[in-house]
C-alpha atoms as a PDB file:
ATOM      1  CA  MET A   1      46.800 105.246  98.227  1.00  0.00           C
ATOM      2  CA  GLY A   2      48.590 107.415  95.701  1.00  0.00           C
ATOM      3  CA  LEU A   3      48.208 110.643  97.634  1.00  0.00           C
ATOM      4  CA  PRO A   4      50.745 113.462  97.706  1.00  0.00           C
ATOM      5  CA  THR A   5      51.948 114.088 101.245  1.00  0.00           C
ATOM      6  CA  HIS A   6      53.205 117.448 102.445  1.00  0.00           C
ATOM      7  CA  VAL A   7      56.264 117.436 104.693  1.00  0.00           C
ATOM      8  CA  GLY A   8      56.767 120.839 106.318  1.00  0.00           C
ATOM      9  CA  VAL A   9      60.472 120.369 107.020  1.00  0.00           C
ATOM     10  CA  MET A  10      63.369 119.238 104.886  1.00  0.00           C
ATOM     11  CA  PRO A  11      64.466 115.935 106.406  1.00  0.00           C
ATOM     12  CA  PRO A  12      68.161 115.050 106.180  1.00  0.00           C
ATOM     13  CA  ILE A  13      67.754 112.928 103.042  1.00  0.00           C
ATOM     14  CA  ALA A  14      69.197 115.272 100.420  1.00  0.00           C
ATOM     15  CA  GLY A  15      72.673 113.866 101.055  1.00  0.00           C
ATOM     16  CA  SER A  16      71.662 110.441  99.750  1.00  0.00           C
ATOM     17  CA  GLU A  17      70.739 110.327  96.070  1.00  0.00           C
ATOM     18  CA  LEU A  18      69.093 106.928  96.564  1.00  0.00           C
ATOM     19  CA  VAL A  19      66.825 107.986  99.438  1.00  0.00           C
ATOM     20  CA  TYR A  20      66.018 111.371  97.914  1.00  0.00           C
ATOM     21  CA  GLY A  21      65.177 109.726  94.568  1.00  0.00           C
ATOM     22  CA  LEU A  22      63.047 107.141  96.336  1.00  0.00           C
ATOM     23  CA  THR A  23      60.954 109.749  98.148  1.00  0.00           C
ATOM     24  CA  THR A  24      60.624 112.199  95.264  1.00  0.00           C
ATOM     25  CA  GLN A  25      60.373 110.068  92.121  1.00  0.00           C
ATOM     26  CA  ILE A  26      60.309 106.307  92.695  1.00  0.00           C
ATOM     27  CA  ALA A  27      57.433 106.491  95.187  1.00  0.00           C
ATOM     28  CA  ARG A  28      55.422 108.435  92.586  1.00  0.00           C
ATOM     29  CA  ASP A  29      56.187 105.910  89.836  1.00  0.00           C
ATOM     30  CA  VAL A  30      55.434 102.835  91.956  1.00  0.00           C
ATOM     31  CA  PHE A  31      52.647 103.961  94.280  1.00  0.00           C
ATOM     32  CA  GLY A  32      51.301 107.116  92.648  1.00  0.00           C
ATOM     33  CA  GLY A  33      51.916 109.029  95.858  1.00  0.00           C
ATOM     34  CA  TYR A  34      54.873 111.204  96.699  1.00  0.00           C
ATOM     35  CA  PHE A  35      56.208 113.730  99.175  1.00  0.00           C
ATOM     36  CA  ILE A  36      56.080 117.500  98.778  1.00  0.00           C
ATOM     37  CA  PHE A  37      59.016 118.941 100.719  1.00  0.00           C
ATOM     38  CA  GLU A  38      58.140 122.598 101.299  1.00  0.00           C
ATOM     39  CA  THR A  39      58.803 124.690 104.391  1.00  0.00           C
ATOM     40  CA  ASP A  40      56.684 127.668 103.269  1.00  0.00           C
ATOM     41  CA  TRP A  41      53.067 126.827 104.111  1.00  0.00           C
ATOM     42  CA  ALA A  42      51.624 129.139 101.421  1.00  0.00           C
ATOM     43  CA  LYS A  43      53.706 127.528  98.654  1.00  0.00           C
ATOM     44  CA  ALA A  44      52.852 124.069  99.964  1.00  0.00           C
ATOM     45  CA  ALA A  45      49.132 124.875  99.975  1.00  0.00           C
ATOM     46  CA  GLN A  46      49.363 126.161  96.393  1.00  0.00           C
ATOM     47  CA  LYS A  47      51.170 122.999  95.253  1.00  0.00           C
ATOM     48  CA  ILE A  48      48.575 120.778  96.917  1.00  0.00           C
ATOM     49  CA  LEU A  49      45.694 122.740  95.390  1.00  0.00           C
ATOM     50  CA  GLU A  50      47.312 122.456  91.947  1.00  0.00           C
ATOM     51  CA  ARG A  51      47.569 118.674  92.336  1.00  0.00           C
ATOM     52  CA  ILE A  52      43.932 118.431  93.466  1.00  0.00           C
ATOM     53  CA  GLU A  53      42.816 120.536  90.500  1.00  0.00           C
ATOM     54  CA  LYS A  54      44.816 118.389  88.069  1.00  0.00           C
ATOM     55  CA  ARG A  55      43.317 115.185  89.444  1.00  0.00           C
ATOM     56  CA  ALA A  56      39.811 116.649  89.313  1.00  0.00           C
ATOM     57  CA  TRP A  57      40.304 117.404  85.621  1.00  0.00           C
ATOM     58  CA  LYS A  58      41.680 113.924  84.988  1.00  0.00           C
ATOM     59  CA  LEU A  59      38.611 112.425  86.652  1.00  0.00           C
ATOM     60  CA  ARG A  60      36.335 114.777  84.683  1.00  0.00           C
ATOM     61  CA  VAL A  61      34.730 115.996  87.923  1.00  0.00           C
ATOM     62  CA  HIS A  62      34.200 119.474  86.488  1.00  0.00           C
ATOM     63  CA  ARG A  63      32.556 118.133  83.315  1.00  0.00           C
ATOM     64  CA  MET A  64      30.211 115.825  85.229  1.00  0.00           C
ATOM     65  CA  THR A  65      29.210 118.610  87.627  1.00  0.00           C
ATOM     66  CA  ALA A  66      28.602 121.037  84.765  1.00  0.00           C
ATOM     67  CA  ASP A  67      26.496 118.456  82.942  1.00  0.00           C
ATOM     68  CA  LYS A  68      24.506 117.701  86.090  1.00  0.00           C
ATOM     69  CA  TYR A  69      23.682 121.366  86.720  1.00  0.00           C
ATOM     70  CA  ALA A  70      23.485 122.416  83.037  1.00  0.00           C
ATOM     71  CA  SER A  71      26.267 124.984  83.279  1.00  0.00           C
ATOM     72  CA  SER A  72      29.527 125.607  81.461  1.00  0.00           C
ATOM     73  CA  VAL A  73      32.902 124.247  82.500  1.00  0.00           C
ATOM     74  CA  PRO A  74      35.422 126.919  83.515  1.00  0.00           C
ATOM     75  CA  VAL A  75      38.835 126.596  81.893  1.00  0.00           C
ATOM     76  CA  VAL A  76      41.208 126.373  84.830  1.00  0.00           C
ATOM     77  CA  TYR A  77      43.539 123.495  84.074  1.00  0.00           C
ATOM     78  CA  GLU A  78      44.846 122.838  80.575  1.00  0.00           C
ATOM     79  CA  GLY A  79      47.819 120.544  81.217  1.00  0.00           C
END
């Protein structure tokens, strides 16, 4: 589905370059989804919110909502 997936523990995959590369980069390139390995819940939540915000900007959700309700679009994401 192309969704980022948070994993709250670091599984024992860092020892294998192939498996680590598959879960962190190849999965993103092929499927659009990937794993976020983060043990700190606050950092993980921030990373997930950043990805959601980026995708919302790519889909122009903010622009369409602003147009619908005749308001301005806040500048939050510029990347």
